[in-house]
Amino acid sequence: MNIEMDYFSRDFEKRHYNAAMAIYGELKKQGKDPYPKVHTWELYDRAFPFEKVRRYDLVQQHMNMLEHFEDNLNENITNGQAVDNFIIVAHNAKAALNAKYHDGEFSDPANHDPTDDHPTTWSTARFGA
């Protein structure tokens, strides 16, 4: 379920959401209480390698809209209207940010598969004991 929600949080494909909700329904039937959560805002917040870009007005506007609609969806994850509204806002934010910041200022999370191995970079290397 979490993997499907992660894919949905990255690419906004409703098939990932539907798969996560099917798993959620099965877990609920078993008496478990899972908490599926969309986390696009968090992914996008970390997608700006230069902190200054994150403070630009266009970025702030889209991030605020993403946060609002993501929170609304996470409050009632099974609400179809909230899902559709989130998808619209997320696609608009994705298009605007990719169009404006395409020279390395924004690293679209949809272009990264969360299940792939992530090579060590200077920012993820662990030094020392």
Protein backbone atom coordinates (compact mmCIF):
# COMPACT_ATOMS: atom_id res chain seq x y z
CA MET A 1 0.00 0.00 0.00
CA ASN A 2 2.75 2.43 0.94
CA ILE A 3 4.65 1.75 -2.28
CA GLU A 4 1.54 2.41 -4.37
CA MET A 5 0.88 5.64 -2.43
CA ASP A 6 4.49 6.64 -3.02
CA TYR A 7 4.07 6.11 -6.75
CA PHE A 8 0.79 8.08 -6.66
CA SER A 9 2.53 10.88 -4.74
CA ARG A 10 5.12 11.08 -7.52
CA ASP A 11 3.18 10.65 -10.77
CA PHE A 12 -0.49 11.27 -9.80
CA GLU A 13 -1.67 8.21 -11.75
CA LYS A 14 -5.05 7.18 -10.41
CA ARG A 15 -4.26 3.49 -10.99
CA HIS A 16 -1.68 3.69 -8.17
CA TYR A 17 -4.24 5.32 -5.90
CA ASN A 18 -6.83 2.64 -6.77
CA ALA A 19 -4.32 -0.15 -6.08
CA ALA A 20 -3.43 1.40 -2.71
CA MET A 21 -7.10 1.73 -1.81
CA ALA A 22 -7.73 -1.93 -2.73
CA ILE A 23 -4.94 -2.97 -0.36
CA TYR A 24 -6.28 -0.54 2.25
CA GLY A 25 -9.73 -2.14 1.99
CA GLU A 26 -8.29 -5.64 2.42
CA LEU A 27 -6.29 -4.57 5.46
CA LYS A 28 -9.39 -2.97 6.99
CA LYS A 29 -11.29 -6.25 6.47
CA GLN A 30 -8.56 -8.03 8.44
CA GLY A 31 -9.14 -5.67 11.35
CA LYS A 32 -6.00 -3.64 10.81
CA ASP A 33 -5.96 0.14 10.83
CA PRO A 34 -3.55 1.27 8.09
CA TYR A 35 -3.02 4.94 7.35
CA PRO A 36 -2.38 5.59 3.65
CA LYS A 37 -0.90 9.02 3.10
CA VAL A 38 -0.06 11.14 0.08
CA HIS A 39 3.29 12.93 0.52
CA THR A 40 3.80 14.95 -2.65
CA TRP A 41 4.50 18.17 -0.76
CA GLU A 42 7.37 16.52 1.12
CA LEU A 43 8.81 15.09 -2.11
CA TYR A 44 8.56 18.45 -3.88
CA ASP A 45 10.01 20.29 -0.89
CA ARG A 46 13.17 18.17 -1.16
CA ALA A 47 13.27 18.42 -4.99
CA PHE A 48 14.98 21.82 -5.02
CA PRO A 49 18.75 21.40 -4.72
CA PHE A 50 19.14 25.16 -4.27
CA GLU A 51 17.31 26.44 -1.21
CA LYS A 52 16.84 29.90 -2.70
CA VAL A 53 14.62 28.56 -5.52
CA ARG A 54 12.22 27.17 -2.91
CA ARG A 55 11.53 30.75 -1.76
CA TYR A 56 10.54 32.11 -5.20
CA ASP A 57 6.95 33.30 -5.51
CA LEU A 58 5.90 30.84 -8.22
CA VAL A 59 7.27 27.93 -6.19
CA GLN A 60 5.59 29.19 -3.01
CA GLN A 61 2.21 29.52 -4.72
CA HIS A 62 2.29 25.99 -6.12
CA MET A 63 3.68 24.48 -2.93
CA ASN A 64 0.94 26.15 -0.88
CA MET A 65 -1.74 24.81 -3.23
CA LEU A 66 -0.19 21.33 -3.11
CA GLU A 67 -0.08 21.43 0.68
CA HIS A 68 -3.71 22.51 0.95
CA PHE A 69 -5.10 19.87 -1.41
CA GLU A 70 -2.79 17.15 -0.05
CA ASP A 71 -3.92 17.88 3.50
CA ASN A 72 -7.54 17.82 2.36
CA LEU A 73 -7.02 14.44 0.69
CA ASN A 74 -5.12 12.97 3.63
CA GLU A 75 -7.93 13.99 5.99
CA ASN A 76 -10.35 11.84 3.97
CA ILE A 77 -8.27 9.54 1.80
CA THR A 78 -11.30 7.74 0.33
CA ASN A 79 -13.03 10.90 -0.93
CA GLY A 80 -13.10 10.69 -4.73
CA GLN A 81 -13.64 14.42 -5.20
CA ALA A 82 -10.62 15.21 -3.01
CA VAL A 83 -8.53 12.78 -5.10
CA ASP A 84 -9.63 14.39 -8.36
CA ASN A 85 -8.98 17.91 -7.04
CA PHE A 86 -5.55 16.90 -5.78
CA ILE A 87 -4.63 15.36 -9.14
CA ILE A 88 -5.60 18.55 -10.98
CA VAL A 89 -3.60 20.80 -8.65
CA ALA A 90 -0.62 18.42 -8.62
CA HIS A 91 -0.47 18.22 -12.42
CA ASN A 92 -0.63 22.03 -12.63
CA ALA A 93 2.20 22.39 -10.11
CA LYS A 94 4.28 19.74 -11.84
CA ALA A 95 3.83 21.39 -15.26
CA ALA A 96 4.63 24.88 -13.96
CA LEU A 97 7.70 23.85 -11.98
CA ASN A 98 9.10 21.65 -14.76
CA ALA A 99 8.55 24.40 -17.34
CA LYS A 100 10.17 27.15 -15.29
CA TYR A 101 12.92 25.21 -13.49
CA HIS A 102 14.27 22.70 -16.00
CA ASP A 103 17.99 23.42 -15.74
CA GLY A 104 18.66 21.56 -12.51
CA GLU A 105 16.78 23.87 -10.14
CA PHE A 106 13.97 21.30 -9.72
CA SER A 107 14.36 17.53 -9.74
CA ASP A 108 10.90 16.13 -10.48
CA PRO A 109 10.19 13.19 -8.12
CA ALA A 110 8.23 11.48 -10.91
CA ASN A 111 11.52 10.94 -12.72
CA HIS A 112 12.90 8.86 -9.84
CA ASP A 113 11.70 5.34 -9.06
CA PRO A 114 11.62 4.92 -5.28
CA THR A 115 12.38 1.18 -5.56
CA ASP A 116 15.59 1.66 -7.56
CA ASP A 117 18.98 1.56 -5.88
CA HIS A 118 20.19 5.05 -5.19
CA PRO A 119 23.88 5.57 -5.90
CA THR A 120 25.92 7.32 -3.26
CA THR A 121 26.44 11.00 -3.95
CA TRP A 122 28.33 13.68 -2.10
CA SER A 123 25.14 14.58 -0.21
CA THR A 124 24.28 11.01 0.85
CA ALA A 125 27.75 9.68 1.64
CA ARG A 126 28.40 8.61 5.23
CA PHE A 127 31.89 9.44 6.44
CA GLY A 128 33.55 8.21 9.59
CA ALA A 129 32.57 5.42 11.94
